[in-house]
């Protein structure tokens, strides 16, 4: 027990270009979810979850609406998901998830980051085997024991459960995300402060000095890449 998931905090100011990147990320994800599962939030749980997360990130309603309207109007944008693995300084590793309409552009932009920071691109599987792919659900207002009982009563298997700063955090298989939320909601209506599918490193490393500065530069440059949706890493920051 005790994965000590670090609740993700904003690492960039949510203004200007930074906010534009967030808006673009959600617009693409919402469009794809609506295209693949339908535009009704009642029938498409993935779309409903994305919209809820977008609103928490203060994505304007008109951006959400335009993404869904594109599907209703028959627009056929072709986005593909691609994952890249990298080796940073002193045992650090990264997994970069992209959503793009141009794979050549994505690869070119990522290689530019690799070259600027003098790190290495890894082959598929060279990094990811050191990460667990899990859903993470976090909430307040229900204690850990009651939450665990609710999960057992609803027949939901989980990987781990812990309490961090009054927040109960549950880890499970990605496909069980909605089952976990439904089980918790069956005993009390709560706001899910964590509701995501993530890749968590099995072990973390601590960087210092130039290695730490290089790694932070890598993260900043990746954040500037248009097609990058998520970056997972094993560094204790």
C-alpha atoms as a PDB file:
ATOM      1  CA  UNK A   1       0.000   0.000   0.000  1.00  0.00           C
ATOM      2  CA  UNK A   2       0.992   3.606  -0.389  1.00  0.00           C
ATOM      3  CA  UNK A   3       1.819   4.758  -3.885  1.00  0.00           C
ATOM      4  CA  UNK A   4       1.850   8.383  -2.720  1.00  0.00           C
ATOM      5  CA  UNK A   5       0.454   9.735  -5.942  1.00  0.00           C
ATOM      6  CA  UNK A   6       1.441  13.358  -6.321  1.00  0.00           C
ATOM      7  CA  UNK A   7      -1.672  15.381  -7.012  1.00  0.00           C
ATOM      8  CA  UNK A   8      -0.769  17.202 -10.184  1.00  0.00           C
ATOM      9  CA  UNK A   9      -0.467  20.948  -9.808  1.00  0.00           C
ATOM     10  CA  UNK A  10      -0.293  23.470 -12.611  1.00  0.00           C
ATOM     11  CA  UNK A  11       3.334  23.906 -13.627  1.00  0.00           C
ATOM     12  CA  UNK A  12       2.660  26.748 -16.026  1.00  0.00           C
ATOM     13  CA  UNK A  13       0.715  29.960 -15.805  1.00  0.00           C
ATOM     14  CA  UNK A  14      -2.749  29.451 -17.191  1.00  0.00           C
ATOM     15  CA  UNK A  15      -2.643  32.486 -19.424  1.00  0.00           C
ATOM     16  CA  UNK A  16      -1.868  33.242 -23.049  1.00  0.00           C
ATOM     17  CA  UNK A  17      -0.194  30.437 -24.955  1.00  0.00           C
ATOM     18  CA  UNK A  18      -0.361  28.105 -21.954  1.00  0.00           C
ATOM     19  CA  UNK A  19      -4.135  28.332 -21.776  1.00  0.00           C
ATOM     20  CA  UNK A  20      -4.334  27.954 -25.538  1.00  0.00           C
ATOM     21  CA  UNK A  21      -2.452  24.659 -25.265  1.00  0.00           C
ATOM     22  CA  UNK A  22      -4.894  23.379 -22.642  1.00  0.00           C
ATOM     23  CA  UNK A  23      -7.884  24.428 -24.760  1.00  0.00           C
ATOM     24  CA  UNK A  24      -6.429  22.698 -27.821  1.00  0.00           C
ATOM     25  CA  UNK A  25      -5.742  19.494 -25.881  1.00  0.00           C
ATOM     26  CA  UNK A  26      -9.289  19.221 -24.615  1.00  0.00           C
ATOM     27  CA  UNK A  27     -10.825  20.242 -27.942  1.00  0.00           C
ATOM     28  CA  UNK A  28      -9.055  17.357 -29.697  1.00  0.00           C
ATOM     29  CA  UNK A  29      -9.876  14.821 -26.980  1.00  0.00           C
ATOM     30  CA  UNK A  30     -13.538  15.859 -26.785  1.00  0.00           C
ATOM     31  CA  UNK A  31     -13.864  15.747 -30.571  1.00  0.00           C
ATOM     32  CA  UNK A  32     -12.399  12.231 -30.692  1.00  0.00           C
ATOM     33  CA  UNK A  33     -14.547  10.972 -27.805  1.00  0.00           C
ATOM     34  CA  UNK A  34     -17.685  12.350 -29.484  1.00  0.00           C
ATOM     35  CA  UNK A  35     -16.661  10.976 -32.871  1.00  0.00           C
ATOM     36  CA  UNK A  36     -15.985   7.489 -31.520  1.00  0.00           C
ATOM     37  CA  UNK A  37     -18.789   7.182 -28.964  1.00  0.00           C
ATOM     38  CA  UNK A  38     -21.497   9.640 -29.972  1.00  0.00           C
ATOM     39  CA  UNK A  39     -22.280  13.197 -28.912  1.00  0.00           C
ATOM     40  CA  UNK A  40     -24.730  12.356 -26.119  1.00  0.00           C
ATOM     41  CA  UNK A  41     -23.134  12.607 -22.684  1.00  0.00           C
ATOM     42  CA  UNK A  42     -25.816  10.291 -21.315  1.00  0.00           C
ATOM     43  CA  UNK A  43     -24.798   7.513 -23.696  1.00  0.00           C
ATOM     44  CA  UNK A  44     -21.075   8.317 -23.876  1.00  0.00           C
ATOM     45  CA  UNK A  45     -19.480   8.120 -20.421  1.00  0.00           C
ATOM     46  CA  UNK A  46     -16.017   8.958 -21.762  1.00  0.00           C
ATOM     47  CA  UNK A  47     -17.294  12.164 -23.334  1.00  0.00           C
ATOM     48  CA  UNK A  48     -19.107  13.126 -20.130  1.00  0.00           C
ATOM     49  CA  UNK A  49     -15.942  12.582 -18.082  1.00  0.00           C
ATOM     50  CA  UNK A  50     -13.837  14.652 -20.484  1.00  0.00           C
ATOM     51  CA  UNK A  51     -16.290  17.541 -20.420  1.00  0.00           C
ATOM     52  CA  UNK A  52     -16.343  17.486 -16.611  1.00  0.00           C
ATOM     53  CA  UNK A  53     -12.536  17.584 -16.519  1.00  0.00           C
ATOM     54  CA  UNK A  54     -12.429  20.376 -19.108  1.00  0.00           C
ATOM     55  CA  UNK A  55     -14.790  22.493 -17.028  1.00  0.00           C
ATOM     56  CA  UNK A  56     -12.599  21.973 -13.957  1.00  0.00           C
ATOM     57  CA  UNK A  57      -9.693  23.273 -16.045  1.00  0.00           C
ATOM     58  CA  UNK A  58     -11.858  26.307 -16.912  1.00  0.00           C
ATOM     59  CA  UNK A  59     -12.081  25.473 -20.611  1.00  0.00           C
ATOM     60  CA  UNK A  60     -14.723  27.815 -22.082  1.00  0.00           C
ATOM     61  CA  UNK A  61     -18.083  26.244 -22.937  1.00  0.00           C
ATOM     62  CA  UNK A  62     -17.921  27.477 -26.531  1.00  0.00           C
ATOM     63  CA  UNK A  63     -14.714  25.490 -27.145  1.00  0.00           C
ATOM     64  CA  UNK A  64     -16.382  22.343 -25.795  1.00  0.00           C
ATOM     65  CA  UNK A  65     -19.478  23.033 -27.893  1.00  0.00           C
ATOM     66  CA  UNK A  66     -17.476  23.628 -31.085  1.00  0.00           C
ATOM     67  CA  UNK A  67     -15.626  20.335 -30.647  1.00  0.00           C
ATOM     68  CA  UNK A  68     -18.930  18.448 -30.384  1.00  0.00           C
ATOM     69  CA  UNK A  69     -20.554  20.463 -33.186  1.00  0.00           C
ATOM     70  CA  UNK A  70     -17.725  19.404 -35.515  1.00  0.00           C
ATOM     71  CA  UNK A  71     -18.901  15.815 -35.126  1.00  0.00           C
ATOM     72  CA  UNK A  72     -22.575  16.720 -35.622  1.00  0.00           C
ATOM     73  CA  UNK A  73     -21.717  18.664 -38.791  1.00  0.00           C
ATOM     74  CA  UNK A  74     -19.791  15.741 -40.267  1.00  0.00           C
ATOM     75  CA  UNK A  75     -16.267  17.160 -40.028  1.00  0.00           C
ATOM     76  CA  UNK A  76     -13.821  14.254 -40.274  1.00  0.00           C
ATOM     77  CA  UNK A  77     -10.522  15.245 -38.663  1.00  0.00           C
ATOM     78  CA  UNK A  78      -8.078  12.359 -38.537  1.00  0.00           C
ATOM     79  CA  UNK A  79      -6.200  12.281 -35.249  1.00  0.00           C
ATOM     80  CA  UNK A  80      -4.026   9.374 -34.178  1.00  0.00           C
ATOM     81  CA  UNK A  81      -2.541   8.591 -30.785  1.00  0.00           C
ATOM     82  CA  UNK A  82       1.181   7.933 -30.536  1.00  0.00           C
ATOM     83  CA  UNK A  83       3.407   7.215 -27.541  1.00  0.00           C
ATOM     84  CA  UNK A  84       7.133   7.896 -27.358  1.00  0.00           C
ATOM     85  CA  UNK A  85       9.639   6.826 -24.708  1.00  0.00           C
ATOM     86  CA  UNK A  86      12.729   8.756 -23.640  1.00  0.00           C
ATOM     87  CA  UNK A  87      15.794   8.393 -21.439  1.00  0.00           C
ATOM     88  CA  UNK A  88      16.772  11.543 -19.535  1.00  0.00           C
ATOM     89  CA  UNK A  89      19.802  12.241 -17.327  1.00  0.00           C
ATOM     90  CA  UNK A  90      20.894   9.949 -14.473  1.00  0.00           C
ATOM     91  CA  UNK A  91      18.281   7.219 -14.744  1.00  0.00           C
ATOM     92  CA  UNK A  92      15.321   9.497 -15.466  1.00  0.00           C
ATOM     93  CA  UNK A  93      12.742   8.309 -17.989  1.00  0.00           C
ATOM     94  CA  UNK A  94       9.734   9.815 -19.729  1.00  0.00           C
ATOM     95  CA  UNK A  95       6.676   8.564 -21.573  1.00  0.00           C
ATOM     96  CA  UNK A  96       5.122  11.107 -23.933  1.00  0.00           C
ATOM     97  CA  UNK A  97       1.578  10.682 -25.232  1.00  0.00           C
ATOM     98  CA  UNK A  98       0.697  12.603 -28.383  1.00  0.00           C
ATOM     99  CA  UNK A  99      -2.535  13.169 -30.270  1.00  0.00           C
ATOM    100  CA  UNK A 100      -1.789  14.371 -33.764  1.00  0.00           C
ATOM    101  CA  UNK A 101      -2.981  14.757 -37.330  1.00  0.00           C
ATOM    102  CA  UNK A 102       0.617  14.681 -38.575  1.00  0.00           C
ATOM    103  CA  UNK A 103       2.948  12.015 -37.193  1.00  0.00           C
ATOM    104  CA  UNK A 104       5.955  13.371 -39.071  1.00  0.00           C
ATOM    105  CA  UNK A 105       5.518  16.745 -37.378  1.00  0.00           C
ATOM    106  CA  UNK A 106       5.215  15.107 -33.955  1.00  0.00           C
ATOM    107  CA  UNK A 107       8.366  13.045 -34.397  1.00  0.00           C
ATOM    108  CA  UNK A 108      10.289  16.039 -35.736  1.00  0.00           C
ATOM    109  CA  UNK A 109       9.242  18.249 -32.808  1.00  0.00           C
ATOM    110  CA  UNK A 110      10.132  15.574 -30.243  1.00  0.00           C
ATOM    111  CA  UNK A 111      13.507  14.892 -31.818  1.00  0.00           C
ATOM    112  CA  UNK A 112      14.244  18.625 -31.618  1.00  0.00           C
ATOM    113  CA  UNK A 113      13.669  18.433 -27.846  1.00  0.00           C
ATOM    114  CA  UNK A 114      15.881  15.348 -27.593  1.00  0.00           C
ATOM    115  CA  UNK A 115      18.698  17.036 -29.505  1.00  0.00           C
ATOM    116  CA  UNK A 116      18.514  20.323 -27.583  1.00  0.00           C
ATOM    117  CA  UNK A 117      18.679  18.561 -24.215  1.00  0.00           C
ATOM    118  CA  UNK A 118      21.109  15.808 -25.231  1.00  0.00           C
ATOM    119  CA  UNK A 119      18.846  12.990 -24.086  1.00  0.00           C
ATOM    120  CA  UNK A 120      17.847   9.810 -25.941  1.00  0.00           C
ATOM    121  CA  UNK A 121      14.718   8.518 -27.625  1.00  0.00           C
ATOM    122  CA  UNK A 122      13.964   4.928 -26.621  1.00  0.00           C
ATOM    123  CA  UNK A 123      12.417   2.044 -28.515  1.00  0.00           C
ATOM    124  CA  UNK A 124       8.816   1.041 -27.814  1.00  0.00           C
ATOM    125  CA  UNK A 125       8.719  -0.804 -24.490  1.00  0.00           C
ATOM    126  CA  UNK A 126      12.184   0.270 -23.371  1.00  0.00           C
ATOM    127  CA  UNK A 127      10.730   2.574 -20.697  1.00  0.00           C
ATOM    128  CA  UNK A 128       7.059   1.667 -20.283  1.00  0.00           C
ATOM    129  CA  UNK A 129       7.733  -1.675 -18.571  1.00  0.00           C
ATOM    130  CA  UNK A 130       8.827   0.338 -15.529  1.00  0.00           C
ATOM    131  CA  UNK A 131       5.412   2.039 -15.273  1.00  0.00           C
ATOM    132  CA  UNK A 132       1.988   0.854 -14.167  1.00  0.00           C
ATOM    133  CA  UNK A 133      -0.992   1.921 -16.273  1.00  0.00           C
ATOM    134  CA  UNK A 134      -3.734   2.715 -13.741  1.00  0.00           C
ATOM    135  CA  UNK A 135      -6.871   4.726 -13.218  1.00  0.00           C
ATOM    136  CA  UNK A 136      -6.737   7.126 -10.266  1.00  0.00           C
ATOM    137  CA  UNK A 137      -9.827   8.308  -8.406  1.00  0.00           C
ATOM    138  CA  UNK A 138      -9.575  10.791  -5.531  1.00  0.00           C
ATOM    139  CA  UNK A 139     -12.262  12.350  -3.328  1.00  0.00           C
ATOM    140  CA  UNK A 140     -13.001  13.770   0.122  1.00  0.00           C
ATOM    141  CA  UNK A 141     -15.982  13.251   2.425  1.00  0.00           C
ATOM    142  CA  UNK A 142     -15.777   9.448   2.690  1.00  0.00           C
ATOM    143  CA  UNK A 143     -13.163   7.696   4.798  1.00  0.00           C
ATOM    144  CA  UNK A 144     -10.938   4.936   3.485  1.00  0.00           C
ATOM    145  CA  UNK A 145     -12.724   2.119   5.334  1.00  0.00           C
ATOM    146  CA  UNK A 146     -16.187   3.080   4.048  1.00  0.00           C
ATOM    147  CA  UNK A 147     -14.817   3.502   0.526  1.00  0.00           C
ATOM    148  CA  UNK A 148     -13.207   0.058   0.630  1.00  0.00           C
ATOM    149  CA  UNK A 149     -16.442  -1.508   1.905  1.00  0.00           C
ATOM    150  CA  UNK A 150     -18.374   0.124  -0.949  1.00  0.00           C
ATOM    151  CA  UNK A 151     -15.929  -1.277  -3.484  1.00  0.00           C
ATOM    152  CA  UNK A 152     -16.195  -4.782  -1.987  1.00  0.00           C
ATOM    153  CA  UNK A 153     -19.997  -4.653  -1.883  1.00  0.00           C
ATOM    154  CA  UNK A 154     -20.069  -3.672  -5.561  1.00  0.00           C
ATOM    155  CA  UNK A 155     -17.543  -6.339  -6.558  1.00  0.00           C
ATOM    156  CA  UNK A 156     -14.918  -3.890  -7.753  1.00  0.00           C
ATOM    157  CA  UNK A 157     -11.291  -5.019  -7.592  1.00  0.00           C
ATOM    158  CA  UNK A 158      -8.648  -2.335  -7.036  1.00  0.00           C
ATOM    159  CA  UNK A 159      -4.881  -2.155  -7.075  1.00  0.00           C
ATOM    160  CA  UNK A 160      -4.404   0.092  -4.038  1.00  0.00           C
ATOM    161  CA  UNK A 161      -6.103   2.620  -1.753  1.00  0.00           C
ATOM    162  CA  UNK A 162      -4.599   5.307   0.479  1.00  0.00           C
ATOM    163  CA  UNK A 163      -5.384   8.573   2.224  1.00  0.00           C
ATOM    164  CA  UNK A 164      -3.437  11.750   1.468  1.00  0.00           C
ATOM    165  CA  UNK A 165      -4.270  15.038   3.198  1.00  0.00           C
ATOM    166  CA  UNK A 166      -7.885  13.982   3.879  1.00  0.00           C
ATOM    167  CA  UNK A 167      -8.284  12.771   0.292  1.00  0.00           C
ATOM    168  CA  UNK A 168      -8.916   9.071  -0.339  1.00  0.00           C
ATOM    169  CA  UNK A 169      -7.077   7.963  -3.480  1.00  0.00           C
ATOM    170  CA  UNK A 170      -7.958   4.702  -5.227  1.00  0.00           C
ATOM    171  CA  UNK A 171      -5.871   3.001  -7.911  1.00  0.00           C
ATOM    172  CA  UNK A 172      -7.324   0.409 -10.253  1.00  0.00           C
ATOM    173  CA  UNK A 173      -7.313  -1.054 -13.735  1.00  0.00           C
ATOM    174  CA  UNK A 174      -8.064   1.593 -16.395  1.00  0.00           C
ATOM    175  CA  UNK A 175     -11.207  -0.237 -17.524  1.00  0.00           C
ATOM    176  CA  UNK A 176     -12.594  -0.083 -13.968  1.00  0.00           C
ATOM    177  CA  UNK A 177     -12.585   3.720 -13.682  1.00  0.00           C
ATOM    178  CA  UNK A 178     -16.354   4.103 -13.978  1.00  0.00           C
ATOM    179  CA  UNK A 179     -17.029   1.064 -11.769  1.00  0.00           C
ATOM    180  CA  UNK A 180     -14.948   2.642  -8.994  1.00  0.00           C
ATOM    181  CA  UNK A 181     -16.737   5.980  -9.314  1.00  0.00           C
ATOM    182  CA  UNK A 182     -20.166   4.312  -9.356  1.00  0.00           C
ATOM    183  CA  UNK A 183     -19.322   2.273  -6.243  1.00  0.00           C
ATOM    184  CA  UNK A 184     -18.245   5.381  -4.329  1.00  0.00           C
ATOM    185  CA  UNK A 185     -21.248   7.374  -5.523  1.00  0.00           C
ATOM    186  CA  UNK A 186     -23.558   4.594  -4.312  1.00  0.00           C
ATOM    187  CA  UNK A 187     -22.903   5.556  -0.674  1.00  0.00           C
ATOM    188  CA  UNK A 188     -22.515   9.332  -1.002  1.00  0.00           C
ATOM    189  CA  UNK A 189     -22.472  11.978  -3.705  1.00  0.00           C
ATOM    190  CA  UNK A 190     -18.941  13.387  -3.782  1.00  0.00           C
ATOM    191  CA  UNK A 191     -16.864  15.529  -6.096  1.00  0.00           C
ATOM    192  CA  UNK A 192     -14.076  13.518  -7.688  1.00  0.00           C
ATOM    193  CA  UNK A 193     -10.997  15.679  -7.382  1.00  0.00           C
ATOM    194  CA  UNK A 194      -8.916  13.062  -9.172  1.00  0.00           C
ATOM    195  CA  UNK A 195     -10.421  11.240 -12.131  1.00  0.00           C
ATOM    196  CA  UNK A 196      -7.859  10.103 -14.668  1.00  0.00           C
ATOM    197  CA  UNK A 197      -5.936   7.304 -16.290  1.00  0.00           C
ATOM    198  CA  UNK A 198      -2.221   7.659 -15.735  1.00  0.00           C
ATOM    199  CA  UNK A 199       1.110   5.896 -15.974  1.00  0.00           C
ATOM    200  CA  UNK A 200       2.861   5.729 -12.598  1.00  0.00           C
ATOM    201  CA  UNK A 201       6.534   4.822 -12.253  1.00  0.00           C
ATOM    202  CA  UNK A 202       7.286   1.747 -10.184  1.00  0.00           C
ATOM    203  CA  UNK A 203      10.302   3.561  -8.728  1.00  0.00           C
ATOM    204  CA  UNK A 204      11.321   7.223  -8.678  1.00  0.00           C
ATOM    205  CA  UNK A 205      14.708   8.894  -8.941  1.00  0.00           C
ATOM    206  CA  UNK A 206      16.019  12.118  -7.393  1.00  0.00           C
ATOM    207  CA  UNK A 207      18.013  14.458  -9.625  1.00  0.00           C
ATOM    208  CA  UNK A 208      20.292  17.268  -8.534  1.00  0.00           C
ATOM    209  CA  UNK A 209      22.300  20.107 -10.048  1.00  0.00           C
ATOM    210  CA  UNK A 210      22.696  20.164 -13.814  1.00  0.00           C
ATOM    211  CA  UNK A 211      20.764  16.915 -14.234  1.00  0.00           C
ATOM    212  CA  UNK A 212      17.721  18.439 -12.536  1.00  0.00           C
ATOM    213  CA  UNK A 213      17.970  21.629 -14.596  1.00  0.00           C
ATOM    214  CA  UNK A 214      18.245  19.590 -17.801  1.00  0.00           C
ATOM    215  CA  UNK A 215      15.215  17.542 -16.861  1.00  0.00           C
ATOM    216  CA  UNK A 216      13.134  20.638 -16.104  1.00  0.00           C
ATOM    217  CA  UNK A 217      14.166  22.029 -19.494  1.00  0.00           C
ATOM    218  CA  UNK A 218      12.973  18.813 -21.150  1.00  0.00           C
ATOM    219  CA  UNK A 219       9.572  19.135 -19.467  1.00  0.00           C
ATOM    220  CA  UNK A 220       9.228  22.779 -20.498  1.00  0.00           C
ATOM    221  CA  UNK A 221      10.143  22.087 -24.116  1.00  0.00           C
ATOM    222  CA  UNK A 222       7.758  19.123 -24.285  1.00  0.00           C
ATOM    223  CA  UNK A 223       5.010  21.315 -22.875  1.00  0.00           C
ATOM    224  CA  UNK A 224       5.562  23.668 -25.819  1.00  0.00           C
ATOM    225  CA  UNK A 225       5.084  20.893 -28.407  1.00  0.00           C
ATOM    226  CA  UNK A 226       1.643  21.241 -29.973  1.00  0.00           C
ATOM    227  CA  UNK A 227       0.845  17.529 -30.237  1.00  0.00           C
ATOM    228  CA  UNK A 228       1.918  16.505 -26.718  1.00  0.00           C
ATOM    229  CA  UNK A 229      -1.077  15.611 -24.543  1.00  0.00           C
ATOM    230  CA  UNK A 230       0.546  14.047 -21.469  1.00  0.00           C
ATOM    231  CA  UNK A 231       4.034  13.510 -20.115  1.00  0.00           C
ATOM    232  CA  UNK A 232       4.749  10.877 -17.462  1.00  0.00           C
ATOM    233  CA  UNK A 233       8.118  10.549 -15.734  1.00  0.00           C
ATOM    234  CA  UNK A 234       9.908   8.960 -12.797  1.00  0.00           C
ATOM    235  CA  UNK A 235      11.558  12.029 -11.280  1.00  0.00           C
ATOM    236  CA  UNK A 236      10.778  13.236  -7.780  1.00  0.00           C
ATOM    237  CA  UNK A 237      10.114  16.956  -8.207  1.00  0.00           C
END
